[in-house]
Amino acid sequence: MAPIEFQENTVITVFGASGDLAKKKTFPALFGLFREGHLSASTKIYGYARSHLSIEELKSRIRPFLKTPTEESKSKVEPFLDLISYISGPYDTNEGFIKLNDDIVKFEKDAKVEEPHRLFYLALPPSVFVDVAKQLKENVYATNGVTRIIVEKPFGHDLKSSRELQEQLAPLFKEEELFRIDHYLGKEMVKNLLNLRFGNQFLNSSWNKESIQSIQVSFKEPFGTEGRGGYFDSIGIIRDVIQNHLLQVLTLLTIEPPKSYDSESVRDEKVKLLKAIKPLDFNDLIVGQYTASEDGTKPSYLDDETVNPGSKAVTFAAIPLYIDNERWSGVPIVLRAGKALDVGKVEIRIQYKPTSPEVPSNELVIRIQPSEAIYIKLNTKQPGLSTSSTIVDLDLTYKNRFENFWIPEAYESLIRDSLRGDHSNFVRDDELDESWALFTPLLNHLESDSAPAPILYPYGSRGPKELSSFLEKHGYVFSETTYQWPVTKPSSS
């Protein structure tokens, strides 16, 4: 069935409307779509939360986070805010939901809507997902139209809790009505991976164990928990970033060509790929926790008063994965992520096998953020009379190549996909199950009483000092040849 275009008289309800996620991400994303003409002015938006707020109080919370890059866009703020109404009510009893449904039905009746189009965004903690889902199904479900629900991560805490959540939601909503949002799947460079791989023969033909030596997918944040350690203490960097965001990137990097590019064919291949990953080796990884910076200006993780004293929470991890299939057998793939590091960036680094021991390896680097870019490191002769080789790059930095393009933020892109009924960039139930099955044994090991203490690394560093030798052990070769990016200049000698 072709995706339904949600345009006129769509009803969108944001649950948790008074919370940080809604004001910083959900409402700004809806505004971005409205600003760029991808959300009709006939749309009705409801905010729902337990907080007792006036509509003006809600709007005043939202307004500072609406991005207005041009003078023209500033004029769209108030028309957008006029689309919003607010209802206060509990999540586990029906009175607020009955009021919400009455308001929606009146809106649809006045607009002469024959087939209701309703989207519910749960910007809520998982503890209330099921309560809200039950109330929606009982009181606000569009029986004569289309209902879709966006569920925010975390989708459980481990395999057991994830399956319990699935079992509770499955009787209420069909899989095609559920959209499990992982915002990394909405990022421009992640959405570009399949085009990049399968749209370029010179890459597609070399995308295998015969040509590729190692792969890294890395996530680096230059800040620590900053007072949120109490939350992070029970989550850790593996749940927060690696088991979901980086693993999703990995699947798109390594899946087999899908039969077609519809959402189910792509997700079928992702599940096959996840099933082919070998069990994780508990003795072959790095886990770390940041200490105070070397100059003493930044605190350690344990200095956060909300953190349990003596916590072994992992704030850095480097985990090698091996895919047991014909294409990737033997190729080390390292997922690594950390907080309180030297820079903030997310990138994919694919290192090719060298043509000879004397020649540095080619690398394909895909920078997901900041400043989206793709560049390939190549070996070439230095210009002039020199016969020596140097490393240069073919550089596609988006801000330099593409002018006046609106690159939607991840939440903007994903909300639009959900409005259109496109599941391509959302996580399916069996995909979620496989990802938790892969990581839960490791998490249980790291969180047991006998778990090894994480390696300490200073705030503002690259991570644990063992990282470089660990990457070398897993196939990454550091080049001794000087590489200057983006401009190569003659040496002073």
Protein backbone atom coordinates (compact mmCIF):
# COMPACT_ATOMS: atom_id res chain seq x y z
CA MET A 1 0.00 0.00 0.00
CA ALA A 2 1.36 3.43 -0.90
CA PRO A 3 2.21 5.72 2.02
CA ILE A 4 -0.56 8.09 3.03
CA GLU A 5 0.45 11.73 2.75
CA PHE A 6 -0.60 13.46 5.95
CA GLN A 7 -1.42 16.98 4.83
CA GLU A 8 -4.78 18.48 5.52
CA ASN A 9 -6.41 18.37 8.96
CA THR A 10 -3.92 15.98 10.51
CA VAL A 11 -4.09 15.72 14.30
CA ILE A 12 -0.78 15.39 16.16
CA THR A 13 -0.69 14.87 19.92
CA VAL A 14 2.55 15.24 21.86
CA PHE A 15 2.48 13.40 25.19
CA GLY A 16 4.94 14.68 27.76
CA ALA A 17 4.42 18.13 26.28
CA SER A 18 5.81 19.93 29.34
CA GLY A 19 9.07 17.96 29.35
CA ASP A 20 12.54 18.73 28.01
CA LEU A 21 12.36 16.35 25.05
CA ALA A 22 9.12 17.88 23.80
CA LYS A 23 10.23 21.50 24.11
CA LYS A 24 13.77 20.96 22.78
CA LYS A 25 13.13 18.37 20.05
CA THR A 26 9.52 17.43 19.29
CA PHE A 27 7.86 20.84 19.01
CA PRO A 28 10.90 22.40 17.27
CA ALA A 29 10.85 19.54 14.75
CA LEU A 30 7.16 20.13 14.05
CA PHE A 31 7.92 23.82 13.62
CA GLY A 32 10.77 23.01 11.23
CA LEU A 33 8.38 21.00 9.06
CA PHE A 34 5.81 23.79 9.22
CA ARG A 35 8.42 26.46 8.43
CA GLU A 36 9.63 24.54 5.36
CA GLY A 37 6.15 23.78 4.05
CA HIS A 38 6.00 20.10 5.02
CA LEU A 39 3.25 20.50 7.61
CA SER A 40 -0.05 21.99 6.56
CA ALA A 41 -1.46 25.04 8.30
CA SER A 42 -4.64 22.97 8.72
CA THR A 43 -2.82 20.64 11.14
CA LYS A 44 -4.03 20.56 14.72
CA ILE A 45 -1.42 19.95 17.45
CA TYR A 46 -2.29 18.97 21.01
CA GLY A 47 0.10 18.96 23.92
CA TYR A 48 -0.78 16.56 26.74
CA ALA A 49 0.94 16.26 30.11
CA ARG A 50 0.24 15.98 33.81
CA SER A 51 1.51 19.51 34.48
CA HIS A 52 -1.13 22.15 35.05
CA LEU A 53 -0.16 24.77 32.47
CA SER A 54 -2.03 27.41 30.55
CA ILE A 55 -1.63 27.31 26.79
CA GLU A 56 0.37 30.54 27.01
CA GLU A 57 2.74 28.98 29.54
CA LEU A 58 3.31 26.03 27.22
CA LYS A 59 3.95 28.31 24.26
CA SER A 60 6.42 30.41 26.27
CA ARG A 61 8.36 27.22 27.05
CA ILE A 62 8.45 26.18 23.41
CA ARG A 63 9.12 29.54 21.73
CA PRO A 64 12.86 29.92 22.61
CA PHE A 65 13.66 26.56 20.94
CA LEU A 66 12.04 27.28 17.57
CA LYS A 67 14.76 27.93 15.00
CA THR A 68 14.28 30.92 12.71
CA PRO A 69 17.29 31.17 10.37
CA THR A 70 15.71 33.87 8.19
CA GLU A 71 13.53 36.91 8.69
CA GLU A 72 10.75 35.18 6.81
CA SER A 73 10.86 32.20 9.16
CA LYS A 74 10.42 34.46 12.17
CA SER A 75 7.01 35.42 10.84
CA LYS A 76 5.92 31.77 10.99
CA VAL A 77 6.43 31.30 14.74
CA GLU A 78 3.11 32.69 15.91
CA PRO A 79 1.01 30.96 13.19
CA PHE A 80 2.64 27.70 14.23
CA LEU A 81 1.99 28.27 17.93
CA ASP A 82 -1.65 29.05 17.08
CA LEU A 83 -2.02 25.44 15.93
CA ILE A 84 -1.31 24.18 19.46
CA SER A 85 -3.80 23.42 22.24
CA TYR A 86 -3.01 21.92 25.63
CA ILE A 87 -4.75 19.35 27.82
CA SER A 88 -3.65 18.41 31.32
CA GLY A 89 -4.43 14.93 32.54
CA PRO A 90 -3.04 11.73 34.08
CA TYR A 91 -1.49 8.98 31.97
CA ASP A 92 -3.06 6.00 33.72
CA THR A 93 -6.75 6.96 33.91
CA ASN A 94 -9.17 7.88 31.17
CA GLU A 95 -10.54 11.32 32.02
CA GLY A 96 -7.85 13.31 30.18
CA PHE A 97 -7.98 10.96 27.21
CA ILE A 98 -11.75 11.28 26.92
CA LYS A 99 -11.36 15.07 26.91
CA LEU A 100 -8.63 14.76 24.27
CA ASN A 101 -10.80 12.56 22.08
CA ASP A 102 -13.78 14.90 22.42
CA ASP A 103 -11.62 17.81 21.28
CA ILE A 104 -10.16 15.84 18.36
CA VAL A 105 -13.58 14.62 17.22
CA LYS A 106 -14.93 18.19 17.31
CA PHE A 107 -11.96 19.45 15.30
CA GLU A 108 -12.39 16.69 12.71
CA LYS A 109 -16.14 17.25 12.50
CA ASP A 110 -15.72 21.00 11.99
CA ALA A 111 -13.08 20.30 9.30
CA LYS A 112 -15.37 17.72 7.64
CA VAL A 113 -12.73 15.01 7.92
CA GLU A 114 -13.97 11.71 6.48
CA GLU A 115 -10.89 9.63 7.29
CA PRO A 116 -9.14 10.78 10.49
CA HIS A 117 -5.33 10.93 10.43
CA ARG A 118 -3.97 10.87 13.97
CA LEU A 119 -0.33 10.76 15.08
CA PHE A 120 0.59 10.35 18.75
CA TYR A 121 4.15 11.15 19.84
CA LEU A 122 5.14 9.63 23.20
CA ALA A 123 7.88 11.95 24.49
CA LEU A 124 7.69 10.02 27.73
CA PRO A 125 9.73 7.65 29.92
CA PRO A 126 9.17 3.95 29.15
CA SER A 127 7.50 3.45 32.53
CA VAL A 128 4.31 5.05 31.20
CA PHE A 129 4.38 3.79 27.57
CA VAL A 130 1.94 0.98 28.21
CA ASP A 131 -0.46 3.05 30.33
CA VAL A 132 -0.70 5.68 27.60
CA ALA A 133 -0.96 3.08 24.83
CA LYS A 134 -3.89 1.38 26.59
CA GLN A 135 -5.73 4.68 27.06
CA LEU A 136 -5.11 5.66 23.44
CA LYS A 137 -6.44 2.37 22.11
CA GLU A 138 -9.50 2.51 24.35
CA ASN A 139 -10.36 6.19 24.06
CA VAL A 140 -8.66 7.97 21.14
CA TYR A 141 -8.04 5.35 18.45
CA ALA A 142 -9.25 6.33 14.98
CA THR A 143 -11.37 3.26 14.21
CA ASN A 144 -12.45 4.72 10.86
CA GLY A 145 -9.08 6.18 9.91
CA VAL A 146 -5.34 5.94 10.51
CA THR A 147 -3.62 5.94 13.90
CA ARG A 148 0.16 6.01 14.28
CA ILE A 149 2.27 6.12 17.43
CA ILE A 150 5.89 7.27 17.78
CA VAL A 151 7.68 5.68 20.75
CA GLU A 152 10.93 7.16 22.04
CA LYS A 153 13.90 5.09 23.17
CA PRO A 154 14.93 3.45 25.42
CA PHE A 155 12.96 0.43 24.22
CA GLY A 156 13.60 -1.55 27.37
CA HIS A 157 16.68 -1.93 29.54
CA ASP A 158 17.73 -5.37 28.33
CA LEU A 159 16.35 -8.29 26.33
CA LYS A 160 13.85 -9.35 29.00
CA SER A 161 12.37 -5.88 29.59
CA SER A 162 12.31 -5.17 25.86
CA ARG A 163 10.32 -8.33 25.20
CA GLU A 164 7.93 -7.52 28.05
CA LEU A 165 7.32 -4.07 26.56
CA GLN A 166 6.75 -5.61 23.12
CA GLU A 167 4.31 -8.17 24.51
CA GLN A 168 2.30 -5.43 26.21
CA LEU A 169 2.16 -3.16 23.15
CA ALA A 170 1.55 -5.88 20.53
CA PRO A 171 -2.12 -6.56 21.43
CA LEU A 172 -2.87 -2.84 21.31
CA PHE A 173 -1.28 -1.72 18.05
CA LYS A 174 -0.18 -3.42 14.88
CA GLU A 175 3.49 -3.27 13.98
CA GLU A 176 2.73 -0.96 11.05
CA GLU A 177 1.14 1.52 13.49
CA LEU A 178 4.21 1.67 15.75
CA PHE A 179 7.23 3.86 14.98
CA ARG A 180 10.18 3.25 17.32
CA ILE A 181 12.30 6.33 16.88
CA ASP A 182 16.09 6.19 16.92
CA HIS A 183 17.04 9.71 15.91
CA TYR A 184 20.35 8.61 14.38
CA LEU A 185 18.39 6.98 11.58
CA GLY A 186 17.10 10.44 10.68
CA LYS A 187 20.53 12.03 10.30
CA GLU A 188 21.39 13.09 6.77
CA MET A 189 24.61 11.09 6.43
CA VAL A 190 23.05 7.94 7.91
CA LYS A 191 20.16 8.18 5.47
CA ASN A 192 22.75 8.58 2.71
CA LEU A 193 24.58 5.31 3.44
CA LEU A 194 22.55 3.08 1.14
CA ASN A 195 22.77 5.60 -1.71
CA LEU A 196 26.51 5.91 -1.18
CA ARG A 197 27.09 2.16 -1.09
CA PHE A 198 24.80 0.90 -3.81
CA GLY A 199 24.79 3.97 -6.06
CA ASN A 200 28.56 4.00 -6.69
CA GLN A 201 30.09 1.01 -8.43
CA PHE A 202 33.65 1.75 -7.32
CA LEU A 203 32.50 1.57 -3.68
CA ASN A 204 29.97 -1.21 -4.08
CA SER A 205 32.49 -3.52 -5.76
CA SER A 206 35.05 -3.02 -2.98
CA TRP A 207 32.60 -3.26 -0.07
CA ASN A 208 33.83 -6.62 1.23
CA LYS A 209 36.54 -8.55 3.10
CA GLU A 210 38.77 -8.73 0.02
CA SER A 211 39.24 -4.95 0.00
CA ILE A 212 38.42 -3.62 3.46
CA GLN A 213 40.82 -4.07 6.36
CA SER A 214 38.83 -2.57 9.24
CA ILE A 215 35.81 -0.42 10.07
CA GLN A 216 35.25 1.98 12.95
CA VAL A 217 32.04 3.71 13.94
CA SER A 218 32.85 6.27 16.62
CA PHE A 219 30.89 8.67 18.77
CA LYS A 220 32.71 11.31 20.81
CA GLU A 221 31.22 13.86 23.21
CA PRO A 222 33.38 16.65 24.69
CA PHE A 223 31.31 16.89 27.88
CA GLY A 224 30.49 14.61 30.79
CA THR A 225 27.22 13.88 32.54
CA GLU A 226 26.99 17.46 33.86
CA GLY A 227 24.71 16.69 36.81
CA ARG A 228 22.75 13.95 35.03
CA GLY A 229 24.93 11.16 36.36
CA GLY A 230 22.11 9.73 38.44
CA TYR A 231 20.27 8.91 35.22
CA PHE A 232 23.37 7.82 33.34
CA ASP A 233 24.55 5.59 36.20
CA SER A 234 21.89 2.99 35.40
CA ILE A 235 22.25 3.38 31.64
CA GLY A 236 25.92 3.64 30.68
CA ILE A 237 27.40 4.47 27.31
CA ILE A 238 26.64 1.05 25.78
CA ARG A 239 22.87 1.37 26.28
CA ASP A 240 22.89 5.09 25.64
CA VAL A 241 24.71 5.05 22.31
CA ILE A 242 26.24 1.76 21.14
CA GLN A 243 23.40 -0.80 21.38
CA ASN A 244 21.09 1.50 19.42
CA HIS A 245 22.62 4.42 17.50
CA LEU A 246 25.95 2.93 16.46
CA LEU A 247 24.55 -0.54 15.86
CA GLN A 248 21.93 0.96 13.54
CA VAL A 249 24.67 2.73 11.59
CA LEU A 250 26.59 -0.55 11.40
CA THR A 251 23.64 -2.44 9.94
CA LEU A 252 23.21 0.07 7.11
CA LEU A 253 26.94 -0.05 6.44
CA THR A 254 27.09 -3.82 6.14
CA ILE A 255 23.73 -5.26 5.00
CA GLU A 256 23.37 -7.12 1.72
CA PRO A 257 21.60 -5.30 -1.13
CA PRO A 258 17.86 -5.44 -0.38
CA LYS A 259 15.50 -6.87 -3.00
CA SER A 260 13.92 -3.43 -3.20
CA TYR A 261 14.22 -0.22 -1.23
CA ASP A 262 10.85 -0.39 0.47
CA SER A 263 11.01 -0.23 4.25
CA GLU A 264 10.36 -3.92 4.91
CA SER A 265 13.00 -5.18 2.47
CA VAL A 266 15.63 -2.94 4.06
CA ARG A 267 14.62 -4.00 7.57
CA ASP A 268 14.62 -7.68 6.55
CA GLU A 269 18.27 -7.34 5.57
CA LYS A 270 19.11 -5.54 8.81
CA VAL A 271 17.68 -8.43 10.83
CA LYS A 272 19.66 -10.96 8.78
CA LEU A 273 22.80 -8.96 9.42
CA LEU A 274 22.22 -8.76 13.18
CA LYS A 275 21.71 -12.52 13.32
CA ALA A 276 25.09 -13.00 11.60
CA ILE A 277 27.07 -11.06 14.24
CA LYS A 278 29.12 -13.37 16.45
CA PRO A 279 28.57 -13.27 20.23
CA LEU A 280 30.60 -10.52 21.88
CA ASP A 281 33.85 -11.52 23.58
CA PHE A 282 33.83 -10.18 27.15
CA ASN A 283 37.65 -10.30 27.25
CA ASP A 284 38.16 -8.36 24.02
CA LEU A 285 36.98 -4.80 24.64
CA ILE A 286 37.82 -1.60 26.46
CA VAL A 287 35.50 -0.04 29.01
CA GLY A 288 36.43 3.18 30.75
CA GLN A 289 35.28 5.92 33.08
CA TYR A 290 36.48 9.51 33.03
CA THR A 291 38.36 11.14 35.87
CA ALA A 292 39.10 14.82 36.42
CA SER A 293 40.89 16.65 33.63
CA GLU A 294 44.66 16.85 33.87
CA ASP A 295 44.53 20.59 34.58
CA GLY A 296 41.91 20.05 37.29
CA THR A 297 39.27 22.29 35.70
CA LYS A 298 36.83 19.49 34.82
CA PRO A 299 35.37 17.03 37.36
CA SER A 300 35.50 13.26 37.33
CA TYR A 301 32.39 11.16 36.76
CA LEU A 302 32.36 10.24 40.46
CA ASP A 303 32.44 13.93 41.43
CA ASP A 304 28.85 14.18 40.18
CA GLU A 305 26.79 14.20 43.38
CA THR A 306 23.96 12.30 41.68
CA VAL A 307 26.26 9.32 40.96
CA ASN A 308 26.54 6.35 43.30
CA PRO A 309 29.88 6.41 45.17
CA GLY A 310 32.23 3.82 43.72
CA SER A 311 30.08 3.46 40.60
CA LYS A 312 31.50 1.26 37.83
CA ALA A 313 29.33 2.94 35.20
CA VAL A 314 30.91 2.82 31.76
CA THR A 315 31.40 6.24 30.14
CA PHE A 316 33.65 4.92 27.36
CA ALA A 317 33.56 1.66 25.45
CA ALA A 318 35.30 0.20 22.40
CA ILE A 319 33.71 -3.06 21.29
CA PRO A 320 34.81 -5.17 18.29
CA LEU A 321 32.15 -7.03 16.32
CA TYR A 322 32.61 -9.74 13.71
CA ILE A 323 30.01 -10.60 11.10
CA ASP A 324 29.98 -14.28 10.22
CA ASN A 325 28.97 -14.16 6.57
CA GLU A 326 30.66 -14.42 3.20
CA ARG A 327 31.04 -10.68 2.68
CA TRP A 328 32.52 -9.69 6.05
CA SER A 329 34.08 -12.78 7.63
CA GLY A 330 37.27 -11.78 9.46
CA VAL A 331 36.85 -7.99 9.11
CA PRO A 332 37.06 -6.30 12.55
CA ILE A 333 34.39 -3.66 13.13
CA VAL A 334 34.90 -1.51 16.22
CA LEU A 335 32.02 0.45 17.73
CA ARG A 336 33.35 3.03 20.18
CA ALA A 337 31.72 5.80 22.12
CA GLY A 338 32.67 8.01 25.01
CA LYS A 339 31.83 11.05 27.08
CA ALA A 340 34.22 13.76 28.28
CA LEU A 341 36.57 13.31 25.32
CA ASP A 342 38.75 15.77 23.41
CA VAL A 343 36.29 16.64 20.63
CA GLY A 344 32.66 16.18 19.70
CA LYS A 345 32.04 14.20 16.52
CA VAL A 346 30.43 11.10 15.07
CA GLU A 347 32.10 9.41 12.14
CA ILE A 348 32.57 6.20 10.19
CA ARG A 349 36.12 5.27 9.21
CA ILE A 350 36.64 2.52 6.64
CA GLN A 351 40.26 1.53 6.08
CA TYR A 352 41.16 -0.40 2.95
CA LYS A 353 43.89 -2.99 2.64
CA PRO A 354 47.18 -1.47 1.41
CA THR A 355 48.43 -2.20 -2.10
CA SER A 356 51.90 -2.87 -0.65
CA PRO A 357 53.59 -2.67 2.78
CA GLU A 358 55.25 0.64 1.84
CA VAL A 359 52.02 2.43 0.84
CA PRO A 360 49.56 3.84 3.41
CA SER A 361 46.04 2.47 3.31
CA ASN A 362 43.23 4.35 1.63
CA GLU A 363 40.47 5.45 3.96
CA LEU A 364 36.87 6.44 3.39
CA VAL A 365 35.63 8.73 6.16
CA ILE A 366 31.95 9.61 6.56
CA ARG A 367 31.42 12.36 9.12
CA ILE A 368 27.88 12.20 10.45
CA GLN A 369 28.26 15.27 12.66
CA PRO A 370 29.19 18.07 12.96
CA SER A 371 29.43 19.51 9.43
CA GLU A 372 28.42 16.54 7.30
CA ALA A 373 31.23 15.34 5.03
CA ILE A 374 32.58 12.43 3.02
CA TYR A 375 36.26 12.27 2.15
CA ILE A 376 38.60 9.64 0.77
CA LYS A 377 42.29 9.55 1.65
CA LEU A 378 44.39 8.82 -1.41
CA ASN A 379 48.11 8.39 -2.14
CA THR A 380 49.58 10.66 -4.78
CA LYS A 381 52.95 12.04 -5.84
CA GLN A 382 53.87 15.36 -4.30
CA PRO A 383 53.64 18.16 -6.88
CA GLY A 384 56.84 19.40 -8.51
CA LEU A 385 60.19 17.64 -8.85
CA SER A 386 59.68 15.39 -5.83
CA THR A 387 58.99 11.71 -6.47
CA SER A 388 57.84 11.01 -2.93
CA SER A 389 54.25 10.16 -2.08
CA THR A 390 51.84 12.11 0.06
CA ILE A 391 48.32 11.53 1.35
CA VAL A 392 45.59 13.82 0.03
CA ASP A 393 41.82 13.65 0.04
CA LEU A 394 38.84 13.86 -2.22
CA ASP A 395 36.60 16.03 -0.10
CA LEU A 396 32.83 16.34 -0.15
CA THR A 397 32.02 18.66 2.73
CA TYR A 398 28.33 19.39 2.43
CA LYS A 399 28.43 23.04 3.45
CA ASN A 400 31.00 23.71 0.71
CA ARG A 401 29.32 21.69 -2.02
CA PHE A 402 25.58 22.20 -1.50
CA GLU A 403 24.23 25.75 -1.25
CA ASN A 404 20.78 26.78 -0.03
CA PHE A 405 19.69 23.24 0.77
CA TRP A 406 17.51 22.66 3.79
CA ILE A 407 19.03 19.65 5.55
CA PRO A 408 16.34 18.58 8.02
CA GLU A 409 17.35 17.73 11.53
CA ALA A 410 16.88 14.11 12.53
CA TYR A 411 13.59 14.59 14.36
CA GLU A 412 12.18 16.67 11.51
CA SER A 413 13.02 13.96 9.02
CA LEU A 414 11.65 11.11 11.14
CA ILE A 415 8.39 12.83 12.08
CA ARG A 416 7.79 13.51 8.39
CA ASP A 417 8.49 9.84 7.61
CA SER A 418 5.99 8.75 10.25
CA LEU A 419 3.37 11.16 8.91
CA ARG A 420 3.84 9.51 5.51
CA GLY A 421 3.75 5.99 6.92
CA ASP A 422 7.34 5.25 5.87
CA HIS A 423 9.01 2.77 8.27
CA SER A 424 12.39 2.69 6.48
CA ASN A 425 14.18 4.63 9.21
CA PHE A 426 12.46 3.10 12.23
CA VAL A 427 13.30 0.02 14.27
CA ARG A 428 11.17 -3.10 13.76
CA ASP A 429 10.26 -5.45 16.63
CA ASP A 430 12.47 -8.37 15.52
CA GLU A 431 15.34 -5.99 14.82
CA LEU A 432 15.07 -4.63 18.35
CA ASP A 433 15.00 -8.16 19.74
CA GLU A 434 18.19 -9.14 17.92
CA SER A 435 20.06 -6.03 19.05
CA TRP A 436 19.21 -6.66 22.70
CA ALA A 437 20.06 -10.36 22.35
CA LEU A 438 23.52 -9.34 21.15
CA PHE A 439 24.30 -6.86 23.93
CA THR A 440 22.42 -8.14 26.99
CA PRO A 441 24.99 -10.83 27.92
CA LEU A 442 27.76 -8.21 27.85
CA LEU A 443 25.71 -5.76 29.92
CA ASN A 444 24.94 -8.45 32.50
CA HIS A 445 28.65 -9.23 32.70
CA LEU A 446 29.70 -5.58 33.12
CA GLU A 447 27.02 -4.93 35.75
CA SER A 448 27.65 -8.02 37.86
CA ASP A 449 29.38 -7.89 41.24
CA SER A 450 32.46 -9.48 39.69
CA ALA A 451 32.65 -6.97 36.85
CA PRO A 452 36.10 -5.52 36.16
CA ALA A 453 36.67 -1.91 37.14
CA PRO A 454 36.59 0.42 34.12
CA ILE A 455 39.88 1.88 32.94
CA LEU A 456 40.26 5.49 34.04
CA TYR A 457 40.92 8.24 31.50
CA PRO A 458 41.17 12.01 32.04
CA TYR A 459 38.37 14.36 31.03
CA GLY A 460 39.32 15.94 27.69
CA SER A 461 41.52 13.09 26.44
CA ARG A 462 41.05 10.68 23.51
CA GLY A 463 39.94 8.04 25.99
CA PRO A 464 41.87 5.26 27.73
CA LYS A 465 45.56 5.22 26.78
CA GLU A 466 45.16 1.60 25.65
CA LEU A 467 42.91 2.68 22.76
CA SER A 468 45.58 3.07 20.07
CA SER A 469 47.08 -0.38 20.63
CA PHE A 470 43.56 -1.83 20.82
CA LEU A 471 42.66 -0.36 17.43
CA GLU A 472 45.91 -1.64 15.93
CA LYS A 473 45.13 -5.11 17.31
CA HIS A 474 41.79 -4.93 15.49
CA GLY A 475 43.12 -4.07 12.09
CA TYR A 476 43.50 -0.30 12.08
CA VAL A 477 46.91 0.89 10.86
CA PHE A 478 48.06 4.36 11.88
CA SER A 479 49.96 6.01 9.03
CA GLU A 480 53.39 7.48 9.67
CA THR A 481 53.03 9.66 6.58
CA THR A 482 52.03 13.23 7.33
CA TYR A 483 48.43 13.95 6.38
CA GLN A 484 47.26 17.55 6.07
CA TRP A 485 43.53 18.13 5.75
CA PRO A 486 42.16 19.86 3.79
CA VAL A 487 45.18 21.65 2.26
CA THR A 488 48.62 20.17 1.61
CA LYS A 489 51.57 22.64 1.63
CA PRO A 490 55.25 22.21 0.90
CA SER A 491 57.36 21.24 3.91
CA SER A 492 59.71 23.91 5.28
CA SER A 493 62.77 21.69 4.83
